[in-house]
C-alpha atoms as a PDB file:
ATOM      1  CA  UNK A   1      11.554  40.006  55.734  1.00  0.00           C
ATOM      2  CA  UNK A   2      12.415  37.378  53.399  1.00  0.00           C
ATOM      3  CA  UNK A   3       9.375  37.363  50.693  1.00  0.00           C
ATOM      4  CA  UNK A   4      10.920  34.623  48.958  1.00  0.00           C
ATOM      5  CA  UNK A   5       8.161  32.711  46.419  1.00  0.00           C
ATOM      6  CA  UNK A   6       8.079  29.522  44.545  1.00  0.00           C
ATOM      7  CA  UNK A   7       5.765  29.765  40.598  1.00  0.00           C
ATOM      8  CA  UNK A   8       5.502  26.903  38.295  1.00  0.00           C
ATOM      9  CA  UNK A   9       4.652  27.312  35.024  1.00  0.00           C
ATOM     10  CA  UNK A  10       3.400  23.779  34.128  1.00  0.00           C
ATOM     11  CA  UNK A  11       2.911  23.002  30.799  1.00  0.00           C
ATOM     12  CA  UNK A  12       1.920  20.001  27.905  1.00  0.00           C
ATOM     13  CA  UNK A  13       3.342  20.853  23.920  1.00  0.00           C
ATOM     14  CA  UNK A  14       2.555  18.772  20.947  1.00  0.00           C
ATOM     15  CA  UNK A  15       4.198  21.337  18.329  1.00  0.00           C
ATOM     16  CA  UNK A  16       5.851  23.411  20.100  1.00  0.00           C
ATOM     17  CA  UNK A  17       3.280  26.997  20.680  1.00  0.00           C
ATOM     18  CA  UNK A  18       2.600  26.172  24.124  1.00  0.00           C
ATOM     19  CA  UNK A  19       6.290  26.099  24.750  1.00  0.00           C
ATOM     20  CA  UNK A  20       6.412  28.822  23.579  1.00  0.00           C
ATOM     21  CA  UNK A  21       3.636  30.777  25.263  1.00  0.00           C
ATOM     22  CA  UNK A  22       4.734  29.624  28.755  1.00  0.00           C
ATOM     23  CA  UNK A  23       8.200  32.348  28.435  1.00  0.00           C
ATOM     24  CA  UNK A  24       5.815  34.556  28.487  1.00  0.00           C
ATOM     25  CA  UNK A  25       3.541  33.444  31.177  1.00  0.00           C
ATOM     26  CA  UNK A  26       6.824  33.359  33.352  1.00  0.00           C
ATOM     27  CA  UNK A  27       8.757  36.269  32.123  1.00  0.00           C
ATOM     28  CA  UNK A  28       5.402  38.248  33.248  1.00  0.00           C
ATOM     29  CA  UNK A  29       5.898  35.890  36.577  1.00  0.00           C
ATOM     30  CA  UNK A  30       9.320  37.186  37.416  1.00  0.00           C
ATOM     31  CA  UNK A  31       8.493  40.502  37.849  1.00  0.00           C
ATOM     32  CA  UNK A  32       6.550  40.283  41.195  1.00  0.00           C
ATOM     33  CA  UNK A  33      10.149  41.120  43.503  1.00  0.00           C
ATOM     34  CA  UNK A  34      10.317  37.431  45.507  1.00  0.00           C
ATOM     35  CA  UNK A  35       9.460  35.161  42.647  1.00  0.00           C
ATOM     36  CA  UNK A  36      11.417  32.129  42.124  1.00  0.00           C
ATOM     37  CA  UNK A  37       9.671  30.945  38.909  1.00  0.00           C
ATOM     38  CA  UNK A  38      10.836  27.482  37.173  1.00  0.00           C
ATOM     39  CA  UNK A  39       9.299  26.262  33.800  1.00  0.00           C
ATOM     40  CA  UNK A  40       8.578  22.597  32.950  1.00  0.00           C
ATOM     41  CA  UNK A  41       6.224  19.975  31.107  1.00  0.00           C
ATOM     42  CA  UNK A  42       4.282  17.218  32.580  1.00  0.00           C
ATOM     43  CA  UNK A  43       5.983  13.846  31.005  1.00  0.00           C
ATOM     44  CA  UNK A  44       4.883  12.930  26.908  1.00  0.00           C
ATOM     45  CA  UNK A  45       2.475   9.214  26.459  1.00  0.00           C
ATOM     46  CA  UNK A  46       3.655   9.012  23.295  1.00  0.00           C
ATOM     47  CA  UNK A  47       5.710   6.811  22.268  1.00  0.00           C
ATOM     48  CA  UNK A  48       9.132   8.519  20.782  1.00  0.00           C
ATOM     49  CA  UNK A  49       8.683   5.358  17.549  1.00  0.00           C
ATOM     50  CA  UNK A  50       5.990   8.136  16.201  1.00  0.00           C
ATOM     51  CA  UNK A  51       7.915  11.258  16.398  1.00  0.00           C
ATOM     52  CA  UNK A  52      11.311   9.050  14.731  1.00  0.00           C
ATOM     53  CA  UNK A  53       8.104   8.858  11.598  1.00  0.00           C
ATOM     54  CA  UNK A  54       7.992  12.804  11.445  1.00  0.00           C
ATOM     55  CA  UNK A  55      11.433  14.193  11.054  1.00  0.00           C
ATOM     56  CA  UNK A  56       9.985  18.609  11.082  1.00  0.00           C
ATOM     57  CA  UNK A  57       7.501  17.124  14.013  1.00  0.00           C
ATOM     58  CA  UNK A  58      10.791  15.699  16.118  1.00  0.00           C
ATOM     59  CA  UNK A  59      12.989  18.727  15.468  1.00  0.00           C
ATOM     60  CA  UNK A  60      10.429  21.186  16.494  1.00  0.00           C
ATOM     61  CA  UNK A  61      10.256  19.242  19.614  1.00  0.00           C
ATOM     62  CA  UNK A  62      13.699  18.879  20.578  1.00  0.00           C
ATOM     63  CA  UNK A  63      13.870  23.182  20.652  1.00  0.00           C
ATOM     64  CA  UNK A  64      11.972  22.621  24.051  1.00  0.00           C
ATOM     65  CA  UNK A  65      13.859  19.414  24.792  1.00  0.00           C
ATOM     66  CA  UNK A  66      15.858  21.342  27.581  1.00  0.00           C
ATOM     67  CA  UNK A  67      13.046  21.816  29.510  1.00  0.00           C
ATOM     68  CA  UNK A  68      13.110  19.414  32.190  1.00  0.00           C
ATOM     69  CA  UNK A  69       9.682  17.319  33.233  1.00  0.00           C
ATOM     70  CA  UNK A  70       7.894  17.853  36.144  1.00  0.00           C
ATOM     71  CA  UNK A  71       7.377  15.911  38.988  1.00  0.00           C
ATOM     72  CA  UNK A  72       4.810  16.009  41.902  1.00  0.00           C
ATOM     73  CA  UNK A  73       7.003  17.250  44.477  1.00  0.00           C
ATOM     74  CA  UNK A  74       7.480  20.076  41.608  1.00  0.00           C
ATOM     75  CA  UNK A  75       3.806  21.097  42.111  1.00  0.00           C
ATOM     76  CA  UNK A  76       3.486  20.430  45.289  1.00  0.00           C
ATOM     77  CA  UNK A  77       5.896  23.205  46.748  1.00  0.00           C
ATOM     78  CA  UNK A  78       4.964  25.716  44.033  1.00  0.00           C
ATOM     79  CA  UNK A  79       3.206  28.679  45.996  1.00  0.00           C
ATOM     80  CA  UNK A  80       1.528  29.534  42.710  1.00  0.00           C
ATOM     81  CA  UNK A  81       1.242  27.306  39.217  1.00  0.00           C
ATOM     82  CA  UNK A  82       0.522  28.086  36.080  1.00  0.00           C
ATOM     83  CA  UNK A  83      -1.452  25.072  33.765  1.00  0.00           C
ATOM     84  CA  UNK A  84      -0.210  25.448  29.590  1.00  0.00           C
ATOM     85  CA  UNK A  85      -2.554  23.007  27.523  1.00  0.00           C
ATOM     86  CA  UNK A  86      -2.926  23.118  23.183  1.00  0.00           C
ATOM     87  CA  UNK A  87      -6.549  22.311  22.628  1.00  0.00           C
ATOM     88  CA  UNK A  88      -7.175  18.765  22.041  1.00  0.00           C
ATOM     89  CA  UNK A  89     -10.380  18.659  20.874  1.00  0.00           C
ATOM     90  CA  UNK A  90     -12.133  21.335  22.727  1.00  0.00           C
ATOM     91  CA  UNK A  91     -10.600  20.165  25.932  1.00  0.00           C
ATOM     92  CA  UNK A  92      -6.754  20.163  27.314  1.00  0.00           C
ATOM     93  CA  UNK A  93      -4.431  17.266  26.286  1.00  0.00           C
ATOM     94  CA  UNK A  94      -4.556  14.014  27.941  1.00  0.00           C
ATOM     95  CA  UNK A  95      -0.626  14.778  28.574  1.00  0.00           C
ATOM     96  CA  UNK A  96      -1.290  17.510  31.492  1.00  0.00           C
ATOM     97  CA  UNK A  97      -5.116  14.861  32.531  1.00  0.00           C
ATOM     98  CA  UNK A  98      -2.609  12.672  33.335  1.00  0.00           C
ATOM     99  CA  UNK A  99      -0.157  14.486  34.957  1.00  0.00           C
ATOM    100  CA  UNK A 100      -3.020  15.916  37.113  1.00  0.00           C
ATOM    101  CA  UNK A 101      -5.318  12.297  37.443  1.00  0.00           C
ATOM    102  CA  UNK A 102      -2.672  11.379  39.143  1.00  0.00           C
ATOM    103  CA  UNK A 103      -2.719  14.022  42.444  1.00  0.00           C
ATOM    104  CA  UNK A 104      -5.210  12.042  44.554  1.00  0.00           C
ATOM    105  CA  UNK A 105      -3.295  11.557  47.720  1.00  0.00           C
ATOM    106  CA  UNK A 106      -2.334  15.551  47.194  1.00  0.00           C
ATOM    107  CA  UNK A 107      -6.424  16.422  46.763  1.00  0.00           C
ATOM    108  CA  UNK A 108      -6.696  13.862  50.134  1.00  0.00           C
ATOM    109  CA  UNK A 109      -4.023  15.709  51.798  1.00  0.00           C
ATOM    110  CA  UNK A 110      -5.212  19.685  50.991  1.00  0.00           C
ATOM    111  CA  UNK A 111      -1.788  20.888  49.214  1.00  0.00           C
ATOM    112  CA  UNK A 112      -2.965  22.501  47.052  1.00  0.00           C
ATOM    113  CA  UNK A 113      -5.884  24.100  48.804  1.00  0.00           C
ATOM    114  CA  UNK A 114      -5.811  27.585  48.438  1.00  0.00           C
ATOM    115  CA  UNK A 115      -2.770  27.855  45.941  1.00  0.00           C
ATOM    116  CA  UNK A 116      -3.404  30.307  42.622  1.00  0.00           C
ATOM    117  CA  UNK A 117      -3.659  28.953  39.458  1.00  0.00           C
ATOM    118  CA  UNK A 118      -3.784  30.013  35.822  1.00  0.00           C
ATOM    119  CA  UNK A 119      -3.847  29.387  32.828  1.00  0.00           C
ATOM    120  CA  UNK A 120      -2.588  29.471  28.980  1.00  0.00           C
ATOM    121  CA  UNK A 121      -3.696  27.498  26.120  1.00  0.00           C
ATOM    122  CA  UNK A 122      -2.401  27.467  22.436  1.00  0.00           C
ATOM    123  CA  UNK A 123      -5.357  26.375  19.003  1.00  0.00           C
ATOM    124  CA  UNK A 124      -4.911  26.469  15.337  1.00  0.00           C
ATOM    125  CA  UNK A 125      -8.183  28.002  15.131  1.00  0.00           C
ATOM    126  CA  UNK A 126      -9.908  31.157  16.257  1.00  0.00           C
ATOM    127  CA  UNK A 127     -12.766  29.775  17.897  1.00  0.00           C
ATOM    128  CA  UNK A 128     -11.423  26.048  18.276  1.00  0.00           C
ATOM    129  CA  UNK A 129     -12.458  25.520  21.931  1.00  0.00           C
ATOM    130  CA  UNK A 130      -8.756  27.996  23.388  1.00  0.00           C
ATOM    131  CA  UNK A 131     -12.228  29.283  26.223  1.00  0.00           C
ATOM    132  CA  UNK A 132     -13.440  25.458  26.548  1.00  0.00           C
ATOM    133  CA  UNK A 133     -10.217  24.002  27.274  1.00  0.00           C
ATOM    134  CA  UNK A 134      -9.324  27.204  30.080  1.00  0.00           C
ATOM    135  CA  UNK A 135     -12.416  26.192  31.235  1.00  0.00           C
ATOM    136  CA  UNK A 136     -11.817  22.175  31.621  1.00  0.00           C
ATOM    137  CA  UNK A 137      -8.467  22.716  32.824  1.00  0.00           C
ATOM    138  CA  UNK A 138      -9.422  25.073  35.328  1.00  0.00           C
ATOM    139  CA  UNK A 139     -12.560  21.749  36.677  1.00  0.00           C
ATOM    140  CA  UNK A 140      -9.614  19.219  38.354  1.00  0.00           C
ATOM    141  CA  UNK A 141      -7.827  22.642  39.632  1.00  0.00           C
ATOM    142  CA  UNK A 142     -11.296  23.603  41.301  1.00  0.00           C
ATOM    143  CA  UNK A 143     -11.392  20.042  42.597  1.00  0.00           C
ATOM    144  CA  UNK A 144      -8.177  20.487  43.992  1.00  0.00           C
ATOM    145  CA  UNK A 145      -9.039  23.918  45.960  1.00  0.00           C
ATOM    146  CA  UNK A 146      -6.813  26.467  43.856  1.00  0.00           C
ATOM    147  CA  UNK A 147      -7.774  30.114  43.143  1.00  0.00           C
ATOM    148  CA  UNK A 148      -7.982  30.670  39.017  1.00  0.00           C
ATOM    149  CA  UNK A 149      -6.912  34.085  38.066  1.00  0.00           C
ATOM    150  CA  UNK A 150      -7.631  35.047  34.704  1.00  0.00           C
ATOM    151  CA  UNK A 151      -7.146  38.098  33.095  1.00  0.00           C
ATOM    152  CA  UNK A 152     -10.506  40.815  33.187  1.00  0.00           C
ATOM    153  CA  UNK A 153     -10.572  42.944  30.343  1.00  0.00           C
ATOM    154  CA  UNK A 154     -10.942  46.193  32.350  1.00  0.00           C
ATOM    155  CA  UNK A 155      -7.128  44.883  33.399  1.00  0.00           C
ATOM    156  CA  UNK A 156      -5.823  44.202  29.931  1.00  0.00           C
ATOM    157  CA  UNK A 157      -6.840  47.749  28.521  1.00  0.00           C
ATOM    158  CA  UNK A 158      -8.471  48.588  25.536  1.00  0.00           C
ATOM    159  CA  UNK A 159      -8.087  49.514  22.184  1.00  0.00           C
ATOM    160  CA  UNK A 160      -6.683  45.962  19.633  1.00  0.00           C
ATOM    161  CA  UNK A 161      -5.338  44.316  22.898  1.00  0.00           C
ATOM    162  CA  UNK A 162      -9.126  42.688  23.363  1.00  0.00           C
ATOM    163  CA  UNK A 163      -8.506  40.393  20.273  1.00  0.00           C
ATOM    164  CA  UNK A 164      -5.569  38.197  22.683  1.00  0.00           C
ATOM    165  CA  UNK A 165      -6.496  36.461  25.207  1.00  0.00           C
ATOM    166  CA  UNK A 166      -9.447  35.382  27.481  1.00  0.00           C
ATOM    167  CA  UNK A 167     -10.965  36.122  30.224  1.00  0.00           C
ATOM    168  CA  UNK A 168     -10.082  32.993  31.600  1.00  0.00           C
ATOM    169  CA  UNK A 169      -6.486  32.535  30.372  1.00  0.00           C
ATOM    170  CA  UNK A 170      -4.003  33.735  27.748  1.00  0.00           C
ATOM    171  CA  UNK A 171      -4.582  32.133  24.087  1.00  0.00           C
ATOM    172  CA  UNK A 172      -2.117  32.047  21.100  1.00  0.00           C
ATOM    173  CA  UNK A 173      -3.319  30.899  17.879  1.00  0.00           C
ATOM    174  CA  UNK A 174      -1.054  29.199  15.537  1.00  0.00           C
ATOM    175  CA  UNK A 175      -3.343  29.027  12.787  1.00  0.00           C
ATOM    176  CA  UNK A 176      -4.430  25.646  11.048  1.00  0.00           C
ATOM    177  CA  UNK A 177      -0.340  25.069   9.091  1.00  0.00           C
ATOM    178  CA  UNK A 178       0.892  26.640  12.484  1.00  0.00           C
ATOM    179  CA  UNK A 179       2.444  28.876  11.176  1.00  0.00           C
ATOM    180  CA  UNK A 180       2.121  31.717  13.109  1.00  0.00           C
ATOM    181  CA  UNK A 181       3.804  33.824  15.759  1.00  0.00           C
ATOM    182  CA  UNK A 182       2.681  35.332  19.052  1.00  0.00           C
ATOM    183  CA  UNK A 183       1.231  38.490  18.762  1.00  0.00           C
ATOM    184  CA  UNK A 184       2.310  41.336  20.856  1.00  0.00           C
ATOM    185  CA  UNK A 185      -1.125  41.321  22.212  1.00  0.00           C
ATOM    186  CA  UNK A 186      -0.936  37.545  22.923  1.00  0.00           C
ATOM    187  CA  UNK A 187       2.551  38.388  24.974  1.00  0.00           C
ATOM    188  CA  UNK A 188       1.342  41.378  26.908  1.00  0.00           C
ATOM    189  CA  UNK A 189      -1.803  38.883  27.817  1.00  0.00           C
ATOM    190  CA  UNK A 190       0.903  36.033  29.022  1.00  0.00           C
ATOM    191  CA  UNK A 191       3.067  38.925  30.961  1.00  0.00           C
ATOM    192  CA  UNK A 192      -0.371  40.374  32.918  1.00  0.00           C
ATOM    193  CA  UNK A 193      -1.693  36.692  33.093  1.00  0.00           C
ATOM    194  CA  UNK A 194       1.688  35.679  34.942  1.00  0.00           C
ATOM    195  CA  UNK A 195       2.163  38.636  36.508  1.00  0.00           C
ATOM    196  CA  UNK A 196      -1.355  38.009  38.642  1.00  0.00           C
ATOM    197  CA  UNK A 197      -0.440  34.970  39.259  1.00  0.00           C
ATOM    198  CA  UNK A 198       2.782  36.002  40.971  1.00  0.00           C
ATOM    199  CA  UNK A 199       0.830  39.102  42.693  1.00  0.00           C
ATOM    200  CA  UNK A 200      -1.219  36.979  44.048  1.00  0.00           C
ATOM    201  CA  UNK A 201       0.261  34.020  45.075  1.00  0.00           C
ATOM    202  CA  UNK A 202       3.331  36.462  46.963  1.00  0.00           C
ATOM    203  CA  UNK A 203      -0.415  37.666  48.560  1.00  0.00           C
ATOM    204  CA  UNK A 204      -1.519  34.374  49.917  1.00  0.00           C
ATOM    205  CA  UNK A 205       1.184  32.694  51.379  1.00  0.00           C
ATOM    206  CA  UNK A 206       2.746  36.507  53.346  1.00  0.00           C
ATOM    207  CA  UNK A 207      -0.066  38.563  53.547  1.00  0.00           C
ATOM    208  CA  UNK A 208      -1.927  35.782  55.726  1.00  0.00           C
ATOM    209  CA  UNK A 209       1.107  36.637  58.370  1.00  0.00           C
ATOM    210  CA  UNK A 210      -1.083  40.567  59.054  1.00  0.00           C
ATOM    211  CA  UNK A 211      -4.647  39.488  58.217  1.00  0.00           C
ATOM    212  CA  UNK A 212      -4.379  35.606  59.855  1.00  0.00           C
ATOM    213  CA  UNK A 213      -8.942  35.693  58.422  1.00  0.00           C
ATOM    214  CA  UNK A 214      -6.439  34.537  55.005  1.00  0.00           C
ATOM    215  CA  UNK A 215      -6.007  31.258  56.921  1.00  0.00           C
ATOM    216  CA  UNK A 216      -9.902  30.621  56.378  1.00  0.00           C
ATOM    217  CA  UNK A 217      -8.695  29.997  52.758  1.00  0.00           C
ATOM    218  CA  UNK A 218      -7.077  26.808  53.446  1.00  0.00           C
ATOM    219  CA  UNK A 219      -8.417  25.706  56.692  1.00  0.00           C
ATOM    220  CA  UNK A 220     -11.427  23.046  57.611  1.00  0.00           C
ATOM    221  CA  UNK A 221     -14.031  24.979  58.200  1.00  0.00           C
ATOM    222  CA  UNK A 222     -14.842  24.713  61.851  1.00  0.00           C
END
């Protein structure tokens, strides 16, 4: 029996850190057999003129300009989605919010109900709002009926890896100057998150064949 399924890693990135983290989310998701993983970014809302006046920032953004811009159909056709964002004032980026805000027709149809969702973010400082950003990103996805997937501490393992990530998702702290690089712990948690998302997406898509009770996750209550 064919067991292919689609995972979308969807993000917004301003200075490249969230884009970098997305690669490891996707790598982890690809470890589950049958996963077809795509990385895409949401459209930018800031005018090009802003970046033209900042050569260093423009160069960084050009480093991930090859990643395709997502359309709503990319989201609805996925069996599981990882949402990534930089932390903007303790919440998630308006660019990602604008993309999600287009989903009212999807909400009405219930297209995303019962699909797993995972969350990752980058921030400039520790305790700079990472967990608030992850949780705020969850809220509209819960409204769409998606099932949040996190990284529980027992799954992470013991030791220094506790200093990476969050039960709510993967986190990368780049520092106030943005010059820090992803640690082994950051990469490990990102991969675990991607793999957990991918595994749950496969279970929900194909497990319901053996367990009809799964259909309750995405059907109207009678």
